[in-house]
Amino acid sequence: MAFFHQLKLLLWKNGLGIIRRPVWSLTLILWPIIIFIIIAVTRHQFPPVLRQTCYVGPRNLPSTGFFPFLETLMCNSDSDCHNASRLANSKQPSRTKR
């Protein structure tokens, strides 16, 4: 029974906050709606561009050590796209058209 009493007090407190600060409450409701509208309009104006699959060379991760990771991070060579994977043991999955 204590749970429902605490829930009632919490809802009462939130209701008082809405009554006492209506502009702030309206802002909290409208702000996400405005952001969503901006994203939706941007998405509608600039639709995604379909591109072919791009494979880049394998990269060193931080777990390989600091200097190999830094070398991979700083070096821009081999950053262009290839039509096939460059991994030695990779098998291309068969693509089916939908």
PDB file of N, CA and C in Angstrom:
ATOM      1  N   MET A   1       0.819  -1.201   0.000  1.00  0.00           N
ATOM      2  CA  MET A   1       0.000   0.000   0.000  1.00  0.00           C
ATOM      3  C   MET A   1       0.864   1.267   0.000  1.00  0.00           C
ATOM      4  N   ALA A   2       2.070   1.151   0.537  1.00  0.00           N
ATOM      5  CA  ALA A   2       2.965   2.307   0.591  1.00  0.00           C
ATOM      6  C   ALA A   2       3.380   2.730  -0.819  1.00  0.00           C
ATOM      7  N   PHE A   3       3.472   1.757  -1.736  1.00  0.00           N
ATOM      8  CA  PHE A   3       3.855   2.075  -3.111  1.00  0.00           C
ATOM      9  C   PHE A   3       2.844   3.027  -3.746  1.00  0.00           C
ATOM     10  N   PHE A   4       1.565   2.734  -3.584  1.00  0.00           N
ATOM     11  CA  PHE A   4       0.534   3.582  -4.194  1.00  0.00           C
ATOM     12  C   PHE A   4       0.479   4.955  -3.543  1.00  0.00           C
ATOM     13  N   HIS A   5       0.773   5.018  -2.250  1.00  0.00           N
ATOM     14  CA  HIS A   5       0.818   6.321  -1.568  1.00  0.00           C
ATOM     15  C   HIS A   5       1.965   7.164  -2.119  1.00  0.00           C
ATOM     16  N   GLN A   6       3.150   6.533  -2.301  1.00  0.00           N
ATOM     17  CA  GLN A   6       4.286   7.262  -2.859  1.00  0.00           C
ATOM     18  C   GLN A   6       4.028   7.654  -4.314  1.00  0.00           C
ATOM     19  N   LEU A   7       3.369   6.784  -5.065  1.00  0.00           N
ATOM     20  CA  LEU A   7       3.025   7.113  -6.442  1.00  0.00           C
ATOM     21  C   LEU A   7       2.072   8.298  -6.498  1.00  0.00           C
ATOM     22  N   LYS A   8       1.090   8.317  -5.605  1.00  0.00           N
ATOM     23  CA  LYS A   8       0.134   9.429  -5.543  1.00  0.00           C
ATOM     24  C   LYS A   8       0.852  10.736  -5.219  1.00  0.00           C
ATOM     25  N   LEU A   9       1.786  10.698  -4.260  1.00  0.00           N
ATOM     26  CA  LEU A   9       2.539  11.906  -3.911  1.00  0.00           C
ATOM     27  C   LEU A   9       3.428  12.372  -5.069  1.00  0.00           C
ATOM     28  N   LEU A  10       4.039  11.426  -5.775  1.00  0.00           N
ATOM     29  CA  LEU A  10       4.889  11.783  -6.912  1.00  0.00           C
ATOM     30  C   LEU A  10       4.071  12.421  -8.029  1.00  0.00           C
ATOM     31  N   LEU A  11       2.919  11.851  -8.329  1.00  0.00           N
ATOM     32  CA  LEU A  11       2.058  12.440  -9.356  1.00  0.00           C
ATOM     33  C   LEU A  11       1.545  13.809  -8.928  1.00  0.00           C
ATOM     34  N   TRP A  12       1.234  13.974  -7.648  1.00  0.00           N
ATOM     35  CA  TRP A  12       0.790  15.268  -7.125  1.00  0.00           C
ATOM     36  C   TRP A  12       1.904  16.307  -7.278  1.00  0.00           C
ATOM     37  N   LYS A  13       3.134  15.908  -6.920  1.00  0.00           N
ATOM     38  CA  LYS A  13       4.279  16.821  -7.052  1.00  0.00           C
ATOM     39  C   LYS A  13       4.495  17.220  -8.513  1.00  0.00           C
ATOM     40  N   ASN A  14       4.416  16.256  -9.440  1.00  0.00           N
ATOM     41  CA  ASN A  14       4.585  16.570 -10.859  1.00  0.00           C
ATOM     42  C   ASN A  14       3.463  17.469 -11.367  1.00  0.00           C
ATOM     43  N   GLY A  15       2.257  17.235 -10.906  1.00  0.00           N
ATOM     44  CA  GLY A  15       1.130  18.091 -11.296  1.00  0.00           C
ATOM     45  C   GLY A  15       1.328  19.521 -10.817  1.00  0.00           C
ATOM     46  N   LEU A  16       1.822  19.686  -9.588  1.00  0.00           N
ATOM     47  CA  LEU A  16       2.096  21.041  -9.082  1.00  0.00           C
ATOM     48  C   LEU A  16       3.190  21.724  -9.902  1.00  0.00           C
ATOM     49  N   GLY A  17       4.198  20.955 -10.310  1.00  0.00           N
ATOM     50  CA  GLY A  17       5.264  21.535 -11.147  1.00  0.00           C
ATOM     51  C   GLY A  17       4.731  22.014 -12.484  1.00  0.00           C
ATOM     52  N   ILE A  18       3.806  21.258 -13.066  1.00  0.00           N
ATOM     53  CA  ILE A  18       3.210  21.663 -14.339  1.00  0.00           C
ATOM     54  C   ILE A  18       2.360  22.916 -14.155  1.00  0.00           C
ATOM     55  N   ILE A  19       1.616  22.989 -13.076  1.00  0.00           N
ATOM     56  CA  ILE A  19       0.761  24.158 -12.817  1.00  0.00           C
ATOM     57  C   ILE A  19       1.610  25.388 -12.528  1.00  0.00           C
ATOM     58  N   ARG A  20       2.676  25.224 -11.760  1.00  0.00           N
ATOM     59  CA  ARG A  20       3.486  26.370 -11.355  1.00  0.00           C
ATOM     60  C   ARG A  20       4.392  26.888 -12.474  1.00  0.00           C
ATOM     61  N   ARG A  21       4.824  26.022 -13.362  1.00  0.00           N
ATOM     62  CA  ARG A  21       5.708  26.442 -14.455  1.00  0.00           C
ATOM     63  C   ARG A  21       5.177  25.931 -15.788  1.00  0.00           C
ATOM     64  N   PRO A  22       4.104  26.536 -16.302  1.00  0.00           N
ATOM     65  CA  PRO A  22       3.523  26.021 -17.541  1.00  0.00           C
ATOM     66  C   PRO A  22       4.412  26.250 -18.770  1.00  0.00           C
ATOM     67  N   VAL A  23       5.173  27.346 -18.782  1.00  0.00           N
ATOM     68  CA  VAL A  23       6.037  27.608 -19.943  1.00  0.00           C
ATOM     69  C   VAL A  23       7.138  26.553 -20.019  1.00  0.00           C
ATOM     70  N   TRP A  24       7.732  26.213 -18.884  1.00  0.00           N
ATOM     71  CA  TRP A  24       8.774  25.198 -18.859  1.00  0.00           C
ATOM     72  C   TRP A  24       8.203  23.833 -19.242  1.00  0.00           C
ATOM     73  N   SER A  25       7.017  23.522 -18.758  1.00  0.00           N
ATOM     74  CA  SER A  25       6.376  22.254 -19.094  1.00  0.00           C
ATOM     75  C   SER A  25       6.083  22.171 -20.594  1.00  0.00           C
ATOM     76  N   LEU A  26       5.616  23.259 -21.175  1.00  0.00           N
ATOM     77  CA  LEU A  26       5.355  23.295 -22.606  1.00  0.00           C
ATOM     78  C   LEU A  26       6.663  23.154 -23.403  1.00  0.00           C
ATOM     79  N   THR A  27       7.720  23.773 -22.900  1.00  0.00           N
ATOM     80  CA  THR A  27       9.026  23.658 -23.543  1.00  0.00           C
ATOM     81  C   THR A  27       9.514  22.214 -23.531  1.00  0.00           C
ATOM     82  N   LEU A  28       9.332  21.520 -22.407  1.00  0.00           N
ATOM     83  CA  LEU A  28       9.768  20.129 -22.309  1.00  0.00           C
ATOM     84  C   LEU A  28       9.006  19.230 -23.275  1.00  0.00           C
ATOM     85  N   ILE A  29       7.783  19.593 -23.609  1.00  0.00           N
ATOM     86  CA  ILE A  29       6.993  18.798 -24.540  1.00  0.00           C
ATOM     87  C   ILE A  29       7.329  19.167 -25.981  1.00  0.00           C
ATOM     88  N   LEU A  30       7.472  20.456 -26.274  1.00  0.00           N
ATOM     89  CA  LEU A  30       7.670  20.907 -27.652  1.00  0.00           C
ATOM     90  C   LEU A  30       9.090  20.703 -28.172  1.00  0.00           C
ATOM     91  N   TRP A  31      10.096  20.740 -27.297  1.00  0.00           N
ATOM     92  CA  TRP A  31      11.486  20.651 -27.740  1.00  0.00           C
ATOM     93  C   TRP A  31      11.762  19.358 -28.520  1.00  0.00           C
ATOM     94  N   PRO A  32      11.411  18.170 -28.032  1.00  0.00           N
ATOM     95  CA  PRO A  32      11.649  16.965 -28.836  1.00  0.00           C
ATOM     96  C   PRO A  32      10.830  16.930 -30.125  1.00  0.00           C
ATOM     97  N   ILE A  33       9.631  17.495 -30.099  1.00  0.00           N
ATOM     98  CA  ILE A  33       8.805  17.525 -31.304  1.00  0.00           C
ATOM     99  C   ILE A  33       9.462  18.392 -32.377  1.00  0.00           C
ATOM    100  N   ILE A  34      10.011  19.530 -31.988  1.00  0.00           N
ATOM    101  CA  ILE A  34      10.683  20.425 -32.932  1.00  0.00           C
ATOM    102  C   ILE A  34      11.917  19.747 -33.523  1.00  0.00           C
ATOM    103  N   ILE A  35      12.703  19.083 -32.681  1.00  0.00           N
ATOM    104  CA  ILE A  35      13.894  18.383 -33.169  1.00  0.00           C
ATOM    105  C   ILE A  35      13.493  17.283 -34.145  1.00  0.00           C
ATOM    106  N   PHE A  36      12.443  16.532 -33.828  1.00  0.00           N
ATOM    107  CA  PHE A  36      11.978  15.470 -34.721  1.00  0.00           C
ATOM    108  C   PHE A  36      11.521  16.042 -36.059  1.00  0.00           C
ATOM    109  N   ILE A  37      10.820  17.162 -36.044  1.00  0.00           N
ATOM    110  CA  ILE A  37      10.356  17.779 -37.292  1.00  0.00           C
ATOM    111  C   ILE A  37      11.545  18.226 -38.140  1.00  0.00           C
ATOM    112  N   ILE A  38      12.564  18.801 -37.507  1.00  0.00           N
ATOM    113  CA  ILE A  38      13.762  19.225 -38.248  1.00  0.00           C
ATOM    114  C   ILE A  38      14.434  18.020 -38.901  1.00  0.00           C
ATOM    115  N   ILE A  39      14.560  16.935 -38.160  1.00  0.00           N
ATOM    116  CA  ILE A  39      15.189  15.731 -38.713  1.00  0.00           C
ATOM    117  C   ILE A  39      14.346  15.159 -39.849  1.00  0.00           C
ATOM    118  N   ALA A  40      13.023  15.129 -39.680  1.00  0.00           N
ATOM    119  CA  ALA A  40      12.146  14.580 -40.714  1.00  0.00           C
ATOM    120  C   ALA A  40      12.204  15.416 -41.994  1.00  0.00           C
ATOM    121  N   VAL A  41      12.201  16.742 -41.860  1.00  0.00           N
ATOM    122  CA  VAL A  41      12.264  17.614 -43.035  1.00  0.00           C
ATOM    123  C   VAL A  41      13.618  17.460 -43.732  1.00  0.00           C
ATOM    124  N   THR A  42      14.692  17.399 -42.958  1.00  0.00           N
ATOM    125  CA  THR A  42      16.018  17.220 -43.541  1.00  0.00           C
ATOM    126  C   THR A  42      16.102  15.886 -44.268  1.00  0.00           C
ATOM    127  N   ARG A  43      15.550  14.858 -43.661  1.00  0.00           N
ATOM    128  CA  ARG A  43      15.565  13.531 -44.271  1.00  0.00           C
ATOM    129  C   ARG A  43      14.741  13.507 -45.565  1.00  0.00           C
ATOM    130  N   HIS A  44      13.648  14.268 -45.584  1.00  0.00           N
ATOM    131  CA  HIS A  44      12.809  14.326 -46.772  1.00  0.00           C
ATOM    132  C   HIS A  44      13.487  15.124 -47.892  1.00  0.00           C
ATOM    133  N   GLN A  45      14.180  16.205 -47.536  1.00  0.00           N
ATOM    134  CA  GLN A  45      14.837  17.045 -48.531  1.00  0.00           C
ATOM    135  C   GLN A  45      16.083  16.382 -49.115  1.00  0.00           C
ATOM    136  N   PHE A  46      16.790  15.608 -48.310  1.00  0.00           N
ATOM    137  CA  PHE A  46      18.029  14.961 -48.745  1.00  0.00           C
ATOM    138  C   PHE A  46      17.906  13.463 -48.513  1.00  0.00           C
ATOM    139  N   PRO A  47      17.277  12.743 -49.435  1.00  0.00           N
ATOM    140  CA  PRO A  47      17.121  11.297 -49.249  1.00  0.00           C
ATOM    141  C   PRO A  47      18.471  10.590 -49.315  1.00  0.00           C
ATOM    142  N   PRO A  48      18.568   9.398 -48.734  1.00  0.00           N
ATOM    143  CA  PRO A  48      19.841   8.680 -48.764  1.00  0.00           C
ATOM    144  C   PRO A  48      20.222   8.282 -50.190  1.00  0.00           C
ATOM    145  N   VAL A  49      21.510   8.318 -50.461  1.00  0.00           N
ATOM    146  CA  VAL A  49      22.031   7.972 -51.782  1.00  0.00           C
ATOM    147  C   VAL A  49      22.526   6.528 -51.728  1.00  0.00           C
ATOM    148  N   LEU A  50      22.023   5.702 -52.626  1.00  0.00           N
ATOM    149  CA  LEU A  50      22.462   4.315 -52.671  1.00  0.00           C
ATOM    150  C   LEU A  50      23.801   4.218 -53.386  1.00  0.00           C
ATOM    151  N   ARG A  51      24.719   3.542 -52.753  1.00  0.00           N
ATOM    152  CA  ARG A  51      26.046   3.348 -53.322  1.00  0.00           C
ATOM    153  C   ARG A  51      26.386   1.868 -53.303  1.00  0.00           C
ATOM    154  N   GLN A  52      27.373   1.504 -54.114  1.00  0.00           N
ATOM    155  CA  GLN A  52      27.817   0.122 -54.116  1.00  0.00           C
ATOM    156  C   GLN A  52      28.589  -0.181 -52.840  1.00  0.00           C
ATOM    157  N   THR A  53      28.714  -1.463 -52.550  1.00  0.00           N
ATOM    158  CA  THR A  53      29.434  -1.879 -51.358  1.00  0.00           C
ATOM    159  C   THR A  53      30.891  -1.451 -51.454  1.00  0.00           C
ATOM    160  N   CYS A  54      31.394  -0.924 -50.373  1.00  0.00           N
ATOM    161  CA  CYS A  54      32.768  -0.427 -50.328  1.00  0.00           C
ATOM    162  C   CYS A  54      33.558  -1.249 -49.312  1.00  0.00           C
ATOM    163  N   TYR A  55      34.682  -1.805 -49.746  1.00  0.00           N
ATOM    164  CA  TYR A  55      35.559  -2.547 -48.855  1.00  0.00           C
ATOM    165  C   TYR A  55      36.862  -1.767 -48.715  1.00  0.00           C
ATOM    166  N   VAL A  56      37.298  -1.554 -47.498  1.00  0.00           N
ATOM    167  CA  VAL A  56      38.585  -0.910 -47.253  1.00  0.00           C
ATOM    168  C   VAL A  56      39.508  -1.924 -46.605  1.00  0.00           C
ATOM    169  N   GLY A  57      40.778  -1.611 -46.573  1.00  0.00           N
ATOM    170  CA  GLY A  57      41.752  -2.519 -45.992  1.00  0.00           C
ATOM    171  C   GLY A  57      41.546  -2.689 -44.501  1.00  0.00           C
ATOM    172  N   PRO A  58      41.978  -3.804 -43.953  1.00  0.00           N
ATOM    173  CA  PRO A  58      41.829  -4.036 -42.514  1.00  0.00           C
ATOM    174  C   PRO A  58      42.635  -3.018 -41.708  1.00  0.00           C
ATOM    175  N   ARG A  59      42.137  -2.706 -40.557  1.00  0.00           N
ATOM    176  CA  ARG A  59      42.765  -1.707 -39.691  1.00  0.00           C
ATOM    177  C   ARG A  59      43.185  -2.330 -38.369  1.00  0.00           C
ATOM    178  N   ASN A  60      44.221  -1.781 -37.770  1.00  0.00           N
ATOM    179  CA  ASN A  60      44.634  -2.207 -36.436  1.00  0.00           C
ATOM    180  C   ASN A  60      43.743  -1.545 -35.401  1.00  0.00           C
ATOM    181  N   LEU A  61      43.344  -2.303 -34.404  1.00  0.00           N
ATOM    182  CA  LEU A  61      42.541  -1.780 -33.312  1.00  0.00           C
ATOM    183  C   LEU A  61      43.445  -1.413 -32.146  1.00  0.00           C
ATOM    184  N   PRO A  62      42.957  -0.639 -31.176  1.00  0.00           N
ATOM    185  CA  PRO A  62      43.800  -0.261 -30.034  1.00  0.00           C
ATOM    186  C   PRO A  62      44.339  -1.457 -29.252  1.00  0.00           C
ATOM    187  N   SER A  63      43.690  -2.616 -29.353  1.00  0.00           N
ATOM    188  CA  SER A  63      44.164  -3.780 -28.606  1.00  0.00           C
ATOM    189  C   SER A  63      45.467  -4.340 -29.174  1.00  0.00           C
ATOM    190  N   THR A  64      45.847  -3.951 -30.403  1.00  0.00           N
ATOM    191  CA  THR A  64      47.099  -4.438 -30.985  1.00  0.00           C
ATOM    192  C   THR A  64      48.306  -3.690 -30.461  1.00  0.00           C
ATOM    193  N   GLY A  65      48.094  -2.637 -29.752  1.00  0.00           N
ATOM    194  CA  GLY A  65      49.190  -1.828 -29.231  1.00  0.00           C
ATOM    195  C   GLY A  65      49.032  -0.395 -29.691  1.00  0.00           C
ATOM    196  N   PHE A  66      49.673   0.498 -28.973  1.00  0.00           N
ATOM    197  CA  PHE A  66      49.495   1.920 -29.258  1.00  0.00           C
ATOM    198  C   PHE A  66      50.102   2.314 -30.602  1.00  0.00           C
ATOM    199  N   PHE A  67      51.324   1.901 -30.883  1.00  0.00           N
ATOM    200  CA  PHE A  67      51.993   2.360 -32.101  1.00  0.00           C
ATOM    201  C   PHE A  67      51.392   1.773 -33.379  1.00  0.00           C
ATOM    202  N   PRO A  68      51.048   0.480 -33.433  1.00  0.00           N
ATOM    203  CA  PRO A  68      50.362   0.009 -34.646  1.00  0.00           C
ATOM    204  C   PRO A  68      49.005   0.699 -34.859  1.00  0.00           C
ATOM    205  N   PHE A  69      48.284   0.940 -33.768  1.00  0.00           N
ATOM    206  CA  PHE A  69      47.017   1.641 -33.891  1.00  0.00           C
ATOM    207  C   PHE A  69      47.233   3.068 -34.374  1.00  0.00           C
ATOM    208  N   LEU A  70      48.227   3.752 -33.823  1.00  0.00           N
ATOM    209  CA  LEU A  70      48.524   5.121 -34.231  1.00  0.00           C
ATOM    210  C   LEU A  70      48.959   5.171 -35.683  1.00  0.00           C
ATOM    211  N   GLU A  71      49.734   4.196 -36.114  1.00  0.00           N
ATOM    212  CA  GLU A  71      50.170   4.143 -37.510  1.00  0.00           C
ATOM    213  C   GLU A  71      48.967   4.002 -38.442  1.00  0.00           C
ATOM    214  N   THR A  72      48.035   3.120 -38.089  1.00  0.00           N
ATOM    215  CA  THR A  72      46.835   2.937 -38.895  1.00  0.00           C
ATOM    216  C   THR A  72      45.967   4.183 -38.869  1.00  0.00           C
ATOM    217  N   LEU A  73      45.876   4.812 -37.721  1.00  0.00           N
ATOM    218  CA  LEU A  73      45.043   5.992 -37.573  1.00  0.00           C
ATOM    219  C   LEU A  73      45.593   7.167 -38.374  1.00  0.00           C
ATOM    220  N   MET A  74      46.896   7.345 -38.383  1.00  0.00           N
ATOM    221  CA  MET A  74      47.505   8.502 -39.024  1.00  0.00           C
ATOM    222  C   MET A  74      47.748   8.296 -40.518  1.00  0.00           C
ATOM    223  N   CYS A  75      47.872   7.077 -40.949  1.00  0.00           N
ATOM    224  CA  CYS A  75      48.213   6.809 -42.335  1.00  0.00           C
ATOM    225  C   CYS A  75      46.950   6.769 -43.185  1.00  0.00           C
ATOM    226  N   ASN A  76      46.928   7.542 -44.243  1.00  0.00           N
ATOM    227  CA  ASN A  76      45.749   7.589 -45.114  1.00  0.00           C
ATOM    228  C   ASN A  76      45.890   6.683 -46.322  1.00  0.00           C
ATOM    229  N   SER A  77      46.992   5.965 -46.436  1.00  0.00           N
ATOM    230  CA  SER A  77      47.131   5.088 -47.591  1.00  0.00           C
ATOM    231  C   SER A  77      46.171   3.921 -47.464  1.00  0.00           C
ATOM    232  N   ASP A  78      45.742   3.403 -48.587  1.00  0.00           N
ATOM    233  CA  ASP A  78      44.819   2.274 -48.665  1.00  0.00           C
ATOM    234  C   ASP A  78      43.448   2.616 -48.068  1.00  0.00           C
ATOM    235  N   SER A  79      43.022   3.860 -48.194  1.00  0.00           N
ATOM    236  CA  SER A  79      41.709   4.250 -47.685  1.00  0.00           C
ATOM    237  C   SER A  79      40.663   4.325 -48.786  1.00  0.00           C
ATOM    238  N   ASP A  80      41.025   3.915 -49.992  1.00  0.00           N
ATOM    239  CA  ASP A  80      40.063   3.966 -51.073  1.00  0.00           C
ATOM    240  C   ASP A  80      39.230   2.679 -51.104  1.00  0.00           C
ATOM    241  N   CYS A  81      38.110   2.755 -51.759  1.00  0.00           N
ATOM    242  CA  CYS A  81      37.177   1.631 -51.810  1.00  0.00           C
ATOM    243  C   CYS A  81      37.604   0.610 -52.858  1.00  0.00           C
ATOM    244  N   HIS A  82      37.317  -0.653 -52.553  1.00  0.00           N
ATOM    245  CA  HIS A  82      37.567  -1.751 -53.481  1.00  0.00           C
ATOM    246  C   HIS A  82      36.264  -2.513 -53.676  1.00  0.00           C
ATOM    247  N   ASN A  83      36.157  -3.216 -54.781  1.00  0.00           N
ATOM    248  CA  ASN A  83      34.945  -3.969 -55.069  1.00  0.00           C
ATOM    249  C   ASN A  83      34.871  -5.298 -54.337  1.00  0.00           C
ATOM    250  N   ALA A  84      35.987  -5.796 -53.850  1.00  0.00           N
ATOM    251  CA  ALA A  84      36.014  -7.073 -53.144  1.00  0.00           C
ATOM    252  C   ALA A  84      36.741  -6.898 -51.822  1.00  0.00           C
ATOM    253  N   SER A  85      36.452  -7.782 -50.897  1.00  0.00           N
ATOM    254  CA  SER A  85      37.094  -7.728 -49.598  1.00  0.00           C
ATOM    255  C   SER A  85      38.571  -8.052 -49.736  1.00  0.00           C
ATOM    256  N   ARG A  86      39.409  -7.452 -48.904  1.00  0.00           N
ATOM    257  CA  ARG A  86      40.843  -7.677 -48.982  1.00  0.00           C
ATOM    258  C   ARG A  86      41.324  -8.635 -47.913  1.00  0.00           C
ATOM    259  N   LEU A  87      40.405  -9.225 -47.139  1.00  0.00           N
ATOM    260  CA  LEU A  87      40.793 -10.198 -46.139  1.00  0.00           C
ATOM    261  C   LEU A  87      41.180 -11.505 -46.824  1.00  0.00           C
ATOM    262  N   ALA A  88      42.127 -12.211 -46.259  1.00  0.00           N
ATOM    263  CA  ALA A  88      42.648 -13.414 -46.895  1.00  0.00           C
ATOM    264  C   ALA A  88      41.628 -14.553 -46.896  1.00  0.00           C
ATOM    265  N   ASN A  89      40.915 -14.753 -45.809  1.00  0.00           N
ATOM    266  CA  ASN A  89      40.015 -15.898 -45.696  1.00  0.00           C
ATOM    267  C   ASN A  89      38.555 -15.514 -45.843  1.00  0.00           C
ATOM    268  N   SER A  90      38.275 -14.412 -46.478  1.00  0.00           N
ATOM    269  CA  SER A  90      36.880 -13.979 -46.553  1.00  0.00           C
ATOM    270  C   SER A  90      36.158 -14.680 -47.692  1.00  0.00           C
ATOM    271  N   LYS A  91      34.911 -15.022 -47.424  1.00  0.00           N
ATOM    272  CA  LYS A  91      34.056 -15.592 -48.456  1.00  0.00           C
ATOM    273  C   LYS A  91      32.909 -14.627 -48.666  1.00  0.00           C
ATOM    274  N   GLN A  92      32.681 -14.292 -49.901  1.00  0.00           N
ATOM    275  CA  GLN A  92      31.611 -13.344 -50.227  1.00  0.00           C
ATOM    276  C   GLN A  92      30.262 -14.025 -50.034  1.00  0.00           C
ATOM    277  N   PRO A  93      29.355 -13.437 -49.256  1.00  0.00           N
ATOM    278  CA  PRO A  93      28.023 -14.026 -49.144  1.00  0.00           C
ATOM    279  C   PRO A  93      27.272 -13.836 -50.450  1.00  0.00           C
ATOM    280  N   SER A  94      26.473 -14.837 -50.799  1.00  0.00           N
ATOM    281  CA  SER A  94      25.709 -14.719 -52.040  1.00  0.00           C
ATOM    282  C   SER A  94      24.592 -13.726 -51.836  1.00  0.00           C
ATOM    283  N   ARG A  95      24.435 -12.840 -52.785  1.00  0.00           N
ATOM    284  CA  ARG A  95      23.413 -11.802 -52.704  1.00  0.00           C
ATOM    285  C   ARG A  95      22.211 -12.226 -53.521  1.00  0.00           C
ATOM    286  N   THR A  96      21.061 -12.074 -52.936  1.00  0.00           N
ATOM    287  CA  THR A  96      19.834 -12.356 -53.673  1.00  0.00           C
ATOM    288  C   THR A  96      19.072 -11.058 -53.821  1.00  0.00           C
ATOM    289  N   LYS A  97      18.471 -10.887 -54.969  1.00  0.00           N
ATOM    290  CA  LYS A  97      17.666  -9.680 -55.199  1.00  0.00           C
ATOM    291  C   LYS A  97      16.294  -9.872 -54.617  1.00  0.00           C
ATOM    292  N   ARG A  98      15.814  -8.835 -53.981  1.00  0.00           N
ATOM    293  CA  ARG A  98      14.493  -8.888 -53.353  1.00  0.00           C
ATOM    294  C   ARG A  98      13.469  -8.194 -54.184  1.00  0.00           C
TER     295      ARG A  98
END
